[in-house]
Amino acid sequence: ALPAPDQSSVISHEYVAPIGDIETAIAEIWQDLLS
């Protein structure tokens, strides 16, 4: 079985904006899909 999720690692990370054209394009695709 998998261990229980550690929420502290998710909460402690800060937002990092996409860098470059490819990351920006992927971020826009995810934004369209999840909005």
PDB file of N, CA and C in Angstrom:
ATOM      1  N   ALA A   1       0.840  -1.188   0.000  1.00  0.00           N
ATOM      2  CA  ALA A   1       0.000   0.000   0.000  1.00  0.00           C
ATOM      3  C   ALA A   1       0.881   1.246   0.000  1.00  0.00           C
ATOM      4  N   LEU A   2       0.311   2.318  -0.463  1.00  0.00           N
ATOM      5  CA  LEU A   2       1.034   3.585  -0.499  1.00  0.00           C
ATOM      6  C   LEU A   2       0.972   4.276   0.857  1.00  0.00           C
ATOM      7  N   PRO A   3       1.993   5.054   1.193  1.00  0.00           N
ATOM      8  CA  PRO A   3       1.944   5.810   2.452  1.00  0.00           C
ATOM      9  C   PRO A   3       0.930   6.945   2.347  1.00  0.00           C
ATOM     10  N   ALA A   4       0.505   7.448   3.493  1.00  0.00           N
ATOM     11  CA  ALA A   4      -0.434   8.573   3.511  1.00  0.00           C
ATOM     12  C   ALA A   4       0.223   9.787   2.862  1.00  0.00           C
ATOM     13  N   PRO A   5      -0.551  10.595   2.122  1.00  0.00           N
ATOM     14  CA  PRO A   5       0.023  11.770   1.467  1.00  0.00           C
ATOM     15  C   PRO A   5       0.550  12.777   2.493  1.00  0.00           C
ATOM     16  N   ASP A   6       1.640  13.434   2.146  1.00  0.00           N
ATOM     17  CA  ASP A   6       2.233  14.449   3.005  1.00  0.00           C
ATOM     18  C   ASP A   6       1.837  15.820   2.464  1.00  0.00           C
ATOM     19  N   GLN A   7       0.824  16.429   3.062  1.00  0.00           N
ATOM     20  CA  GLN A   7       0.296  17.707   2.577  1.00  0.00           C
ATOM     21  C   GLN A   7       1.275  18.860   2.775  1.00  0.00           C
ATOM     22  N   SER A   8       2.191  18.750   3.717  1.00  0.00           N
ATOM     23  CA  SER A   8       3.113  19.858   3.969  1.00  0.00           C
ATOM     24  C   SER A   8       4.017  20.125   2.769  1.00  0.00           C
ATOM     25  N   SER A   9       4.364  19.108   2.005  1.00  0.00           N
ATOM     26  CA  SER A   9       5.220  19.326   0.840  1.00  0.00           C
ATOM     27  C   SER A   9       4.473  20.053  -0.271  1.00  0.00           C
ATOM     28  N   VAL A  10       3.175  19.864  -0.350  1.00  0.00           N
ATOM     29  CA  VAL A  10       2.374  20.548  -1.368  1.00  0.00           C
ATOM     30  C   VAL A  10       2.168  22.007  -0.985  1.00  0.00           C
ATOM     31  N   ILE A  11       1.912  22.252   0.271  1.00  0.00           N
ATOM     32  CA  ILE A  11       1.611  23.600   0.742  1.00  0.00           C
ATOM     33  C   ILE A  11       2.854  24.489   0.741  1.00  0.00           C
ATOM     34  N   SER A  12       4.016  23.931   0.977  1.00  0.00           N
ATOM     35  CA  SER A  12       5.218  24.736   1.142  1.00  0.00           C
ATOM     36  C   SER A  12       5.803  25.253  -0.175  1.00  0.00           C
ATOM     37  N   HIS A  13       5.381  24.729  -1.305  1.00  0.00           N
ATOM     38  CA  HIS A  13       5.936  25.167  -2.589  1.00  0.00           C
ATOM     39  C   HIS A  13       5.234  26.431  -3.072  1.00  0.00           C
ATOM     40  N   GLU A  14       6.026  27.357  -3.568  1.00  0.00           N
ATOM     41  CA  GLU A  14       5.475  28.590  -4.113  1.00  0.00           C
ATOM     42  C   GLU A  14       5.217  28.424  -5.609  1.00  0.00           C
ATOM     43  N   TYR A  15       4.327  29.248  -6.126  1.00  0.00           N
ATOM     44  CA  TYR A  15       4.013  29.229  -7.550  1.00  0.00           C
ATOM     45  C   TYR A  15       5.231  29.681  -8.351  1.00  0.00           C
ATOM     46  N   VAL A  16       5.526  28.959  -9.411  1.00  0.00           N
ATOM     47  CA  VAL A  16       6.597  29.330 -10.331  1.00  0.00           C
ATOM     48  C   VAL A  16       5.974  29.457 -11.714  1.00  0.00           C
ATOM     49  N   ALA A  17       6.055  30.644 -12.280  1.00  0.00           N
ATOM     50  CA  ALA A  17       5.458  30.901 -13.590  1.00  0.00           C
ATOM     51  C   ALA A  17       6.176  30.096 -14.667  1.00  0.00           C
ATOM     52  N   PRO A  18       5.450  29.754 -15.739  1.00  0.00           N
ATOM     53  CA  PRO A  18       6.084  29.028 -16.839  1.00  0.00           C
ATOM     54  C   PRO A  18       7.201  29.861 -17.473  1.00  0.00           C
ATOM     55  N   ILE A  19       8.259  29.169 -17.871  1.00  0.00           N
ATOM     56  CA  ILE A  19       9.409  29.832 -18.492  1.00  0.00           C
ATOM     57  C   ILE A  19       9.532  29.321 -19.926  1.00  0.00           C
ATOM     58  N   GLY A  20       9.554  30.230 -20.866  1.00  0.00           N
ATOM     59  CA  GLY A  20       9.734  29.853 -22.260  1.00  0.00           C
ATOM     60  C   GLY A  20       8.412  29.608 -22.964  1.00  0.00           C
ATOM     61  N   ASP A  21       8.515  29.501 -24.268  1.00  0.00           N
ATOM     62  CA  ASP A  21       7.326  29.351 -25.110  1.00  0.00           C
ATOM     63  C   ASP A  21       6.618  28.019 -24.897  1.00  0.00           C
ATOM     64  N   ILE A  22       7.373  26.950 -24.727  1.00  0.00           N
ATOM     65  CA  ILE A  22       6.762  25.623 -24.593  1.00  0.00           C
ATOM     66  C   ILE A  22       5.996  25.520 -23.281  1.00  0.00           C
ATOM     67  N   GLU A  23       6.609  25.932 -22.177  1.00  0.00           N
ATOM     68  CA  GLU A  23       5.926  25.865 -20.886  1.00  0.00           C
ATOM     69  C   GLU A  23       4.696  26.766 -20.877  1.00  0.00           C
ATOM     70  N   THR A  24       4.792  27.941 -21.498  1.00  0.00           N
ATOM     71  CA  THR A  24       3.653  28.849 -21.568  1.00  0.00           C
ATOM     72  C   THR A  24       2.515  28.221 -22.364  1.00  0.00           C
ATOM     73  N   ALA A  25       2.831  27.581 -23.471  1.00  0.00           N
ATOM     74  CA  ALA A  25       1.807  26.932 -24.293  1.00  0.00           C
ATOM     75  C   ALA A  25       1.139  25.795 -23.526  1.00  0.00           C
ATOM     76  N   ILE A  26       1.928  24.991 -22.821  1.00  0.00           N
ATOM     77  CA  ILE A  26       1.360  23.887 -22.040  1.00  0.00           C
ATOM     78  C   ILE A  26       0.477  24.435 -20.922  1.00  0.00           C
ATOM     79  N   ALA A  27       0.917  25.504 -20.255  1.00  0.00           N
ATOM     80  CA  ALA A  27       0.119  26.112 -19.192  1.00  0.00           C
ATOM     81  C   ALA A  27      -1.209  26.631 -19.736  1.00  0.00           C
ATOM     82  N   GLU A  28      -1.188  27.217 -20.924  1.00  0.00           N
ATOM     83  CA  GLU A  28      -2.428  27.712 -21.532  1.00  0.00           C
ATOM     84  C   GLU A  28      -3.373  26.566 -21.875  1.00  0.00           C
ATOM     85  N   ILE A  29      -2.835  25.455 -22.353  1.00  0.00           N
ATOM     86  CA  ILE A  29      -3.666  24.285 -22.660  1.00  0.00           C
ATOM     87  C   ILE A  29      -4.339  23.783 -21.393  1.00  0.00           C
ATOM     88  N   TRP A  30      -3.564  23.622 -20.308  1.00  0.00           N
ATOM     89  CA  TRP A  30      -4.143  23.158 -19.038  1.00  0.00           C
ATOM     90  C   TRP A  30      -5.182  24.146 -18.523  1.00  0.00           C
ATOM     91  N   GLN A  31      -4.913  25.452 -18.666  1.00  0.00           N
ATOM     92  CA  GLN A  31      -5.869  26.454 -18.216  1.00  0.00           C
ATOM     93  C   GLN A  31      -7.185  26.316 -18.975  1.00  0.00           C
ATOM     94  N   ASP A  32      -7.110  26.119 -20.286  1.00  0.00           N
ATOM     95  CA  ASP A  32      -8.321  25.940 -21.092  1.00  0.00           C
ATOM     96  C   ASP A  32      -9.078  24.680 -20.687  1.00  0.00           C
ATOM     97  N   LEU A  33      -8.344  23.595 -20.440  1.00  0.00           N
ATOM     98  CA  LEU A  33      -8.987  22.332 -20.087  1.00  0.00           C
ATOM     99  C   LEU A  33      -9.634  22.371 -18.709  1.00  0.00           C
ATOM    100  N   LEU A  34      -9.022  23.072 -17.769  1.00  0.00           N
ATOM    101  CA  LEU A  34      -9.493  23.054 -16.384  1.00  0.00           C
ATOM    102  C   LEU A  34     -10.422  24.203 -16.027  1.00  0.00           C
ATOM    103  N   SER A  35     -10.593  25.155 -16.914  1.00  0.00           N
ATOM    104  CA  SER A  35     -11.450  26.292 -16.576  1.00  0.00           C
ATOM    105  C   SER A  35     -12.878  25.915 -16.759  1.00  0.00           C
TER     106      SER A  35
END
